[in-house]
Amino acid sequence: MSAGRPPAAVLFDFGGTLDAPGLPWKERLFALYRAQGVAVTADRFDPVFYRADDALVGTVPTTLSFRDTVDQLVAGVSAGLGVTDDAITARVATRFVDDARDAVAASTLVLSGLARRYRLGLVSNFYGNLENVCDDLGLRPLFGAIVDSARVGCTKPDPRIFQRALAEVGVGPRDATFVGDSRPRDMLGARDAGISHIWLVAGPLQPAPCCPGDRVVHALGELREWL
């Protein structure tokens, strides 16, 4: 985005950005398992999550719903952790889905206002069923582009996935802003694609921005002040 000129398009990450205020799926699931009494450290949890997460990429039906996606992911995590109590697995999945739906409902209010002024796009490292998940959550009509890494063959921070979204919404990198919660995937990826970027950070943390002049926000509603 050129200095002093508003963007023509705003691109968003999905997980951790639209379905939570700056908290990625891994962190949320870790907290939920701990809340259920599962004694696991972050050092042990992280590789278990990544294996379960990777196992879904490109293997799920494109029509898989949000709830079923979470159920499959959580089942994989429970198996990796050795959690044999199905009730714990079900409670973790249900709480995750309920919290995500609440966050998406709040995000939808913000996105609906932005959609009246900007072209919106979605760029996510996902499993291949992001379009259906967005349909399931009521987000799909808001976006002119939904770019799922498993469908296009590249993942953030690869600039090509951002370029795909730009092409679909019909703008160049100087006329777009990207909003996401991950510094290495979202901020650095958008930077390398030549797109200005706004970092959504959970809680009161005030991290150094990716680039001089970048904005850091703690809720999507704050975008109204900066866009």
C-alpha atoms as a PDB file:
ATOM      1  CA  MET A   1       0.000   0.000   0.000  1.00  0.00           C
ATOM      2  CA  SER A   2       1.442   3.338  -0.954  1.00  0.00           C
ATOM      3  CA  ALA A   3       1.980   5.810   1.858  1.00  0.00           C
ATOM      4  CA  GLY A   4      -1.114   7.875   2.552  1.00  0.00           C
ATOM      5  CA  ARG A   5      -3.296   5.822   0.214  1.00  0.00           C
ATOM      6  CA  PRO A   6      -5.898   3.397   1.557  1.00  0.00           C
ATOM      7  CA  PRO A   7      -5.760  -0.193   0.277  1.00  0.00           C
ATOM      8  CA  ALA A   8      -8.121  -1.479  -2.355  1.00  0.00           C
ATOM      9  CA  ALA A   9      -8.051  -4.962  -0.834  1.00  0.00           C
ATOM     10  CA  VAL A  10      -7.521  -6.494   2.592  1.00  0.00           C
ATOM     11  CA  LEU A  11      -6.301 -10.070   2.852  1.00  0.00           C
ATOM     12  CA  PHE A  12      -6.657 -12.172   5.989  1.00  0.00           C
ATOM     13  CA  ASP A  13      -5.269 -15.307   7.553  1.00  0.00           C
ATOM     14  CA  PHE A  14      -7.918 -17.708   8.876  1.00  0.00           C
ATOM     15  CA  GLY A  15      -6.824 -19.816  11.858  1.00  0.00           C
ATOM     16  CA  GLY A  16      -5.849 -17.656  14.814  1.00  0.00           C
ATOM     17  CA  THR A  17      -6.982 -14.496  13.053  1.00  0.00           C
ATOM     18  CA  LEU A  18     -10.673 -14.851  12.213  1.00  0.00           C
ATOM     19  CA  ASP A  19     -11.495 -17.682  14.627  1.00  0.00           C
ATOM     20  CA  ALA A  20      -9.525 -16.336  17.605  1.00  0.00           C
ATOM     21  CA  PRO A  21      -7.883 -13.034  18.589  1.00  0.00           C
ATOM     22  CA  GLY A  22      -4.312 -13.862  17.673  1.00  0.00           C
ATOM     23  CA  LEU A  23      -4.127 -17.402  19.078  1.00  0.00           C
ATOM     24  CA  PRO A  24      -3.127 -20.234  16.721  1.00  0.00           C
ATOM     25  CA  TRP A  25      -4.798 -23.638  16.860  1.00  0.00           C
ATOM     26  CA  LYS A  26      -1.810 -25.300  18.527  1.00  0.00           C
ATOM     27  CA  GLU A  27      -1.809 -22.951  21.493  1.00  0.00           C
ATOM     28  CA  ARG A  28      -5.559 -23.172  21.953  1.00  0.00           C
ATOM     29  CA  LEU A  29      -5.610 -26.964  21.862  1.00  0.00           C
ATOM     30  CA  PHE A  30      -2.675 -27.184  24.251  1.00  0.00           C
ATOM     31  CA  ALA A  31      -4.566 -25.036  26.775  1.00  0.00           C
ATOM     32  CA  LEU A  32      -7.740 -27.100  26.335  1.00  0.00           C
ATOM     33  CA  TYR A  33      -5.967 -30.411  26.945  1.00  0.00           C
ATOM     34  CA  ARG A  34      -4.297 -28.976  30.032  1.00  0.00           C
ATOM     35  CA  ALA A  35      -7.682 -27.746  31.259  1.00  0.00           C
ATOM     36  CA  GLN A  36      -8.973 -31.312  30.924  1.00  0.00           C
ATOM     37  CA  GLY A  37      -6.227 -32.534  33.247  1.00  0.00           C
ATOM     38  CA  VAL A  38      -3.929 -33.953  30.584  1.00  0.00           C
ATOM     39  CA  ALA A  39      -0.420 -33.560  31.986  1.00  0.00           C
ATOM     40  CA  VAL A  40       1.581 -32.565  28.933  1.00  0.00           C
ATOM     41  CA  THR A  41       4.341 -30.023  28.393  1.00  0.00           C
ATOM     42  CA  ALA A  42       4.564 -27.716  25.406  1.00  0.00           C
ATOM     43  CA  ASP A  43       7.748 -29.494  24.317  1.00  0.00           C
ATOM     44  CA  ARG A  44       5.862 -32.774  24.094  1.00  0.00           C
ATOM     45  CA  PHE A  45       2.624 -31.335  22.755  1.00  0.00           C
ATOM     46  CA  ASP A  46       4.077 -29.375  19.844  1.00  0.00           C
ATOM     47  CA  PRO A  47       5.429 -32.305  17.764  1.00  0.00           C
ATOM     48  CA  VAL A  48       2.268 -34.325  18.459  1.00  0.00           C
ATOM     49  CA  PHE A  49       0.138 -31.461  17.169  1.00  0.00           C
ATOM     50  CA  TYR A  50       2.266 -30.949  14.074  1.00  0.00           C
ATOM     51  CA  ARG A  51       2.083 -34.650  13.158  1.00  0.00           C
ATOM     52  CA  ALA A  52      -1.703 -34.656  13.511  1.00  0.00           C
ATOM     53  CA  ASP A  53      -1.950 -31.395  11.601  1.00  0.00           C
ATOM     54  CA  ASP A  54       0.297 -32.557   8.760  1.00  0.00           C
ATOM     55  CA  ALA A  55      -1.655 -35.818   8.453  1.00  0.00           C
ATOM     56  CA  LEU A  56      -4.772 -33.894   7.389  1.00  0.00           C
ATOM     57  CA  VAL A  57      -3.134 -31.743   4.706  1.00  0.00           C
ATOM     58  CA  GLY A  58      -4.481 -32.756   1.318  1.00  0.00           C
ATOM     59  CA  THR A  59      -6.101 -35.923   2.688  1.00  0.00           C
ATOM     60  CA  VAL A  60      -9.511 -34.672   3.819  1.00  0.00           C
ATOM     61  CA  PRO A  61     -12.535 -34.331   1.508  1.00  0.00           C
ATOM     62  CA  THR A  62     -13.035 -30.802   0.196  1.00  0.00           C
ATOM     63  CA  THR A  63     -16.561 -31.023   1.614  1.00  0.00           C
ATOM     64  CA  LEU A  64     -15.449 -31.742   5.205  1.00  0.00           C
ATOM     65  CA  SER A  65     -17.191 -29.440   7.688  1.00  0.00           C
ATOM     66  CA  PHE A  66     -15.487 -27.300  10.299  1.00  0.00           C
ATOM     67  CA  ARG A  67     -16.659 -29.533  13.139  1.00  0.00           C
ATOM     68  CA  ASP A  68     -15.518 -32.701  11.404  1.00  0.00           C
ATOM     69  CA  THR A  69     -12.162 -31.098  10.600  1.00  0.00           C
ATOM     70  CA  VAL A  70     -11.607 -30.269  14.257  1.00  0.00           C
ATOM     71  CA  ASP A  71     -12.803 -33.728  15.309  1.00  0.00           C
ATOM     72  CA  GLN A  72     -10.245 -35.391  13.043  1.00  0.00           C
ATOM     73  CA  LEU A  73      -7.437 -33.125  14.203  1.00  0.00           C
ATOM     74  CA  VAL A  74      -8.228 -33.592  17.880  1.00  0.00           C
ATOM     75  CA  ALA A  75      -8.558 -37.346  17.454  1.00  0.00           C
ATOM     76  CA  GLY A  76      -5.052 -37.366  15.967  1.00  0.00           C
ATOM     77  CA  VAL A  77      -3.670 -35.262  18.801  1.00  0.00           C
ATOM     78  CA  SER A  78      -5.302 -37.477  21.440  1.00  0.00           C
ATOM     79  CA  ALA A  79      -3.859 -40.571  19.800  1.00  0.00           C
ATOM     80  CA  GLY A  80      -0.415 -39.001  19.776  1.00  0.00           C
ATOM     81  CA  LEU A  81      -0.688 -37.998  23.424  1.00  0.00           C
ATOM     82  CA  GLY A  82      -1.986 -41.405  24.480  1.00  0.00           C
ATOM     83  CA  VAL A  83      -5.325 -39.977  25.639  1.00  0.00           C
ATOM     84  CA  THR A  84      -7.680 -42.964  25.727  1.00  0.00           C
ATOM     85  CA  ASP A  85     -10.666 -41.282  27.377  1.00  0.00           C
ATOM     86  CA  ASP A  86     -12.987 -40.448  24.471  1.00  0.00           C
ATOM     87  CA  ALA A  87     -14.899 -38.019  26.681  1.00  0.00           C
ATOM     88  CA  ILE A  88     -11.802 -35.830  27.036  1.00  0.00           C
ATOM     89  CA  THR A  89     -11.265 -35.797  23.278  1.00  0.00           C
ATOM     90  CA  ALA A  90     -14.922 -34.901  22.691  1.00  0.00           C
ATOM     91  CA  ARG A  91     -14.855 -32.094  25.257  1.00  0.00           C
ATOM     92  CA  VAL A  92     -11.682 -30.590  23.802  1.00  0.00           C
ATOM     93  CA  ALA A  93     -13.136 -30.629  20.287  1.00  0.00           C
ATOM     94  CA  THR A  94     -16.490 -29.199  21.376  1.00  0.00           C
ATOM     95  CA  ARG A  95     -14.939 -26.373  23.373  1.00  0.00           C
ATOM     96  CA  PHE A  96     -12.585 -25.529  20.508  1.00  0.00           C
ATOM     97  CA  VAL A  97     -15.447 -25.392  18.007  1.00  0.00           C
ATOM     98  CA  ASP A  98     -17.694 -23.362  20.305  1.00  0.00           C
ATOM     99  CA  ASP A  99     -14.956 -20.820  21.030  1.00  0.00           C
ATOM    100  CA  ALA A 100     -14.069 -20.581  17.343  1.00  0.00           C
ATOM    101  CA  ARG A 101     -17.676 -20.028  16.295  1.00  0.00           C
ATOM    102  CA  ASP A 102     -18.038 -17.244  18.866  1.00  0.00           C
ATOM    103  CA  ALA A 103     -14.880 -15.570  17.560  1.00  0.00           C
ATOM    104  CA  VAL A 104     -15.997 -15.947  13.937  1.00  0.00           C
ATOM    105  CA  ALA A 105     -19.332 -14.338  14.780  1.00  0.00           C
ATOM    106  CA  ALA A 106     -17.499 -11.309  16.176  1.00  0.00           C
ATOM    107  CA  SER A 107     -15.122 -11.262  13.197  1.00  0.00           C
ATOM    108  CA  THR A 108     -18.045 -11.377  10.781  1.00  0.00           C
ATOM    109  CA  LEU A 109     -19.351  -8.072  12.093  1.00  0.00           C
ATOM    110  CA  VAL A 110     -16.004  -6.419  11.385  1.00  0.00           C
ATOM    111  CA  LEU A 111     -15.562  -8.117   8.018  1.00  0.00           C
ATOM    112  CA  SER A 112     -19.065  -7.143   6.884  1.00  0.00           C
ATOM    113  CA  GLY A 113     -18.208  -3.488   7.417  1.00  0.00           C
ATOM    114  CA  LEU A 114     -14.860  -3.821   5.661  1.00  0.00           C
ATOM    115  CA  ALA A 115     -16.443  -5.651   2.721  1.00  0.00           C
ATOM    116  CA  ARG A 116     -18.432  -2.506   1.907  1.00  0.00           C
ATOM    117  CA  ARG A 117     -15.175  -0.591   1.369  1.00  0.00           C
ATOM    118  CA  TYR A 118     -12.564  -3.132   0.278  1.00  0.00           C
ATOM    119  CA  ARG A 119     -12.163  -6.342  -1.667  1.00  0.00           C
ATOM    120  CA  LEU A 120     -11.496  -9.096   0.848  1.00  0.00           C
ATOM    121  CA  GLY A 121      -9.420 -12.224   0.442  1.00  0.00           C
ATOM    122  CA  LEU A 122      -8.399 -15.154   2.609  1.00  0.00           C
ATOM    123  CA  VAL A 123      -4.948 -16.781   2.534  1.00  0.00           C
ATOM    124  CA  SER A 124      -4.453 -19.800   4.776  1.00  0.00           C
ATOM    125  CA  ASN A 125      -2.214 -22.799   5.317  1.00  0.00           C
ATOM    126  CA  PHE A 126      -5.051 -25.299   5.484  1.00  0.00           C
ATOM    127  CA  TYR A 127      -6.095 -28.851   4.619  1.00  0.00           C
ATOM    128  CA  GLY A 128      -7.859 -28.497   1.267  1.00  0.00           C
ATOM    129  CA  ASN A 129     -11.381 -27.823   2.550  1.00  0.00           C
ATOM    130  CA  LEU A 130     -11.137 -24.155   3.540  1.00  0.00           C
ATOM    131  CA  GLU A 131     -13.868 -23.048   1.136  1.00  0.00           C
ATOM    132  CA  ASN A 132     -16.318 -25.463   2.699  1.00  0.00           C
ATOM    133  CA  VAL A 133     -15.234 -24.504   6.218  1.00  0.00           C
ATOM    134  CA  CYS A 134     -15.879 -20.850   5.359  1.00  0.00           C
ATOM    135  CA  ASP A 135     -19.262 -21.785   3.940  1.00  0.00           C
ATOM    136  CA  ASP A 136     -20.020 -23.712   7.124  1.00  0.00           C
ATOM    137  CA  LEU A 137     -19.061 -20.702   9.271  1.00  0.00           C
ATOM    138  CA  GLY A 138     -20.949 -18.164   7.142  1.00  0.00           C
ATOM    139  CA  LEU A 139     -17.771 -16.407   5.962  1.00  0.00           C
ATOM    140  CA  ARG A 140     -17.679 -17.392   2.322  1.00  0.00           C
ATOM    141  CA  PRO A 141     -19.892 -14.597   0.888  1.00  0.00           C
ATOM    142  CA  LEU A 142     -17.544 -11.974   2.333  1.00  0.00           C
ATOM    143  CA  PHE A 143     -14.473 -13.055   0.377  1.00  0.00           C
ATOM    144  CA  GLY A 144     -13.641 -12.594  -3.273  1.00  0.00           C
ATOM    145  CA  ALA A 145     -10.743 -15.033  -2.919  1.00  0.00           C
ATOM    146  CA  ILE A 146     -10.221 -18.021  -0.626  1.00  0.00           C
ATOM    147  CA  VAL A 147      -6.737 -19.432  -1.145  1.00  0.00           C
ATOM    148  CA  ASP A 148      -6.072 -22.752   0.588  1.00  0.00           C
ATOM    149  CA  SER A 149      -2.442 -23.892   0.591  1.00  0.00           C
ATOM    150  CA  ALA A 150      -3.368 -27.536   0.065  1.00  0.00           C
ATOM    151  CA  ARG A 151      -5.279 -26.594  -3.089  1.00  0.00           C
ATOM    152  CA  VAL A 152      -2.638 -24.335  -4.661  1.00  0.00           C
ATOM    153  CA  GLY A 153       0.511 -26.275  -3.777  1.00  0.00           C
ATOM    154  CA  CYS A 154       2.401 -23.660  -1.762  1.00  0.00           C
ATOM    155  CA  THR A 155       2.255 -22.478   1.823  1.00  0.00           C
ATOM    156  CA  LYS A 156       2.857 -19.247   3.665  1.00  0.00           C
ATOM    157  CA  PRO A 157       5.366 -17.611   3.832  1.00  0.00           C
ATOM    158  CA  ASP A 158       5.912 -18.423   0.136  1.00  0.00           C
ATOM    159  CA  PRO A 159       5.084 -15.188  -1.739  1.00  0.00           C
ATOM    160  CA  ARG A 160       3.283 -17.199  -4.435  1.00  0.00           C
ATOM    161  CA  ILE A 161       0.306 -17.943  -2.185  1.00  0.00           C
ATOM    162  CA  PHE A 162      -0.146 -14.226  -1.527  1.00  0.00           C
ATOM    163  CA  GLN A 163       0.255 -13.465  -5.232  1.00  0.00           C
ATOM    164  CA  ARG A 164      -2.498 -15.967  -5.996  1.00  0.00           C
ATOM    165  CA  ALA A 165      -4.879 -14.108  -3.698  1.00  0.00           C
ATOM    166  CA  LEU A 166      -3.913 -10.736  -5.181  1.00  0.00           C
ATOM    167  CA  ALA A 167      -4.641 -12.033  -8.660  1.00  0.00           C
ATOM    168  CA  GLU A 168      -8.039 -13.340  -7.580  1.00  0.00           C
ATOM    169  CA  VAL A 169      -9.122 -10.057  -6.008  1.00  0.00           C
ATOM    170  CA  GLY A 170      -7.628  -8.114  -8.906  1.00  0.00           C
ATOM    171  CA  VAL A 171      -5.132  -5.805  -7.214  1.00  0.00           C
ATOM    172  CA  GLY A 172      -1.363  -5.447  -7.034  1.00  0.00           C
ATOM    173  CA  PRO A 173       0.695  -5.769  -3.845  1.00  0.00           C
ATOM    174  CA  ARG A 174       0.954  -1.998  -3.367  1.00  0.00           C
ATOM    175  CA  ASP A 175      -2.835  -1.795  -3.154  1.00  0.00           C
ATOM    176  CA  ALA A 176      -3.362  -4.465  -0.497  1.00  0.00           C
ATOM    177  CA  THR A 177      -2.879  -4.999   3.221  1.00  0.00           C
ATOM    178  CA  PHE A 178      -2.537  -8.382   4.907  1.00  0.00           C
ATOM    179  CA  VAL A 179      -3.782  -9.162   8.439  1.00  0.00           C
ATOM    180  CA  GLY A 180      -2.541 -12.227  10.302  1.00  0.00           C
ATOM    181  CA  ASP A 181      -1.390 -13.563  13.659  1.00  0.00           C
ATOM    182  CA  SER A 182       1.905 -15.271  12.733  1.00  0.00           C
ATOM    183  CA  ARG A 183       5.121 -13.307  12.375  1.00  0.00           C
ATOM    184  CA  PRO A 184       7.043 -15.970  10.365  1.00  0.00           C
ATOM    185  CA  ARG A 185       4.178 -17.059   8.124  1.00  0.00           C
ATOM    186  CA  ASP A 186       1.960 -14.001   7.782  1.00  0.00           C
ATOM    187  CA  MET A 187       4.080 -10.926   8.410  1.00  0.00           C
ATOM    188  CA  LEU A 188       7.278 -12.101   6.728  1.00  0.00           C
ATOM    189  CA  GLY A 189       5.363 -13.749   3.902  1.00  0.00           C
ATOM    190  CA  ALA A 190       3.362 -10.619   3.163  1.00  0.00           C
ATOM    191  CA  ARG A 191       6.520  -8.524   3.389  1.00  0.00           C
ATOM    192  CA  ASP A 192       8.293 -10.698   0.843  1.00  0.00           C
ATOM    193  CA  ALA A 193       5.272 -10.422  -1.452  1.00  0.00           C
ATOM    194  CA  GLY A 194       5.461  -6.618  -1.231  1.00  0.00           C
ATOM    195  CA  ILE A 195       2.217  -6.296   0.771  1.00  0.00           C
ATOM    196  CA  SER A 196       1.844  -4.066   3.812  1.00  0.00           C
ATOM    197  CA  HIS A 197       0.856  -6.018   6.898  1.00  0.00           C
ATOM    198  CA  ILE A 198      -0.913  -5.677  10.225  1.00  0.00           C
ATOM    199  CA  TRP A 199      -0.041  -8.100  13.014  1.00  0.00           C
ATOM    200  CA  LEU A 200      -2.859  -9.403  15.231  1.00  0.00           C
ATOM    201  CA  VAL A 201      -1.318 -10.235  18.617  1.00  0.00           C
ATOM    202  CA  ALA A 202      -3.092 -11.901  21.540  1.00  0.00           C
ATOM    203  CA  GLY A 203      -3.339 -10.167  24.893  1.00  0.00           C
ATOM    204  CA  PRO A 204      -1.453  -7.081  26.046  1.00  0.00           C
ATOM    205  CA  LEU A 205       1.880  -8.024  24.468  1.00  0.00           C
ATOM    206  CA  GLN A 206       3.554  -5.236  22.494  1.00  0.00           C
ATOM    207  CA  PRO A 207       6.089  -7.020  20.283  1.00  0.00           C
ATOM    208  CA  ALA A 208       8.348  -5.200  17.903  1.00  0.00           C
ATOM    209  CA  PRO A 209       6.628  -4.971  14.512  1.00  0.00           C
ATOM    210  CA  CYS A 210       7.910  -6.888  11.517  1.00  0.00           C
ATOM    211  CA  CYS A 211       8.921  -3.739   9.631  1.00  0.00           C
ATOM    212  CA  PRO A 212       9.251  -0.066  10.643  1.00  0.00           C
ATOM    213  CA  GLY A 213       5.850   1.570  10.654  1.00  0.00           C
ATOM    214  CA  ASP A 214       3.876  -1.701  10.824  1.00  0.00           C
ATOM    215  CA  ARG A 215       0.746  -1.767  12.935  1.00  0.00           C
ATOM    216  CA  VAL A 216       0.143  -4.208  15.782  1.00  0.00           C
ATOM    217  CA  VAL A 217      -3.484  -4.742  16.853  1.00  0.00           C
ATOM    218  CA  HIS A 218      -5.110  -6.890  19.516  1.00  0.00           C
ATOM    219  CA  ALA A 219      -8.565  -7.253  17.984  1.00  0.00           C
ATOM    220  CA  LEU A 220      -9.968  -7.116  14.471  1.00  0.00           C
ATOM    221  CA  GLY A 221     -12.169  -4.203  15.484  1.00  0.00           C
ATOM    222  CA  GLU A 222      -9.043  -2.050  15.759  1.00  0.00           C
ATOM    223  CA  LEU A 223      -8.613  -2.320  11.987  1.00  0.00           C
ATOM    224  CA  ARG A 224     -11.248   0.376  11.562  1.00  0.00           C
ATOM    225  CA  GLU A 225      -8.739   2.859  12.984  1.00  0.00           C
ATOM    226  CA  TRP A 226      -5.914   1.892  10.641  1.00  0.00           C
ATOM    227  CA  LEU A 227      -7.632   1.125   7.324  1.00  0.00           C
END
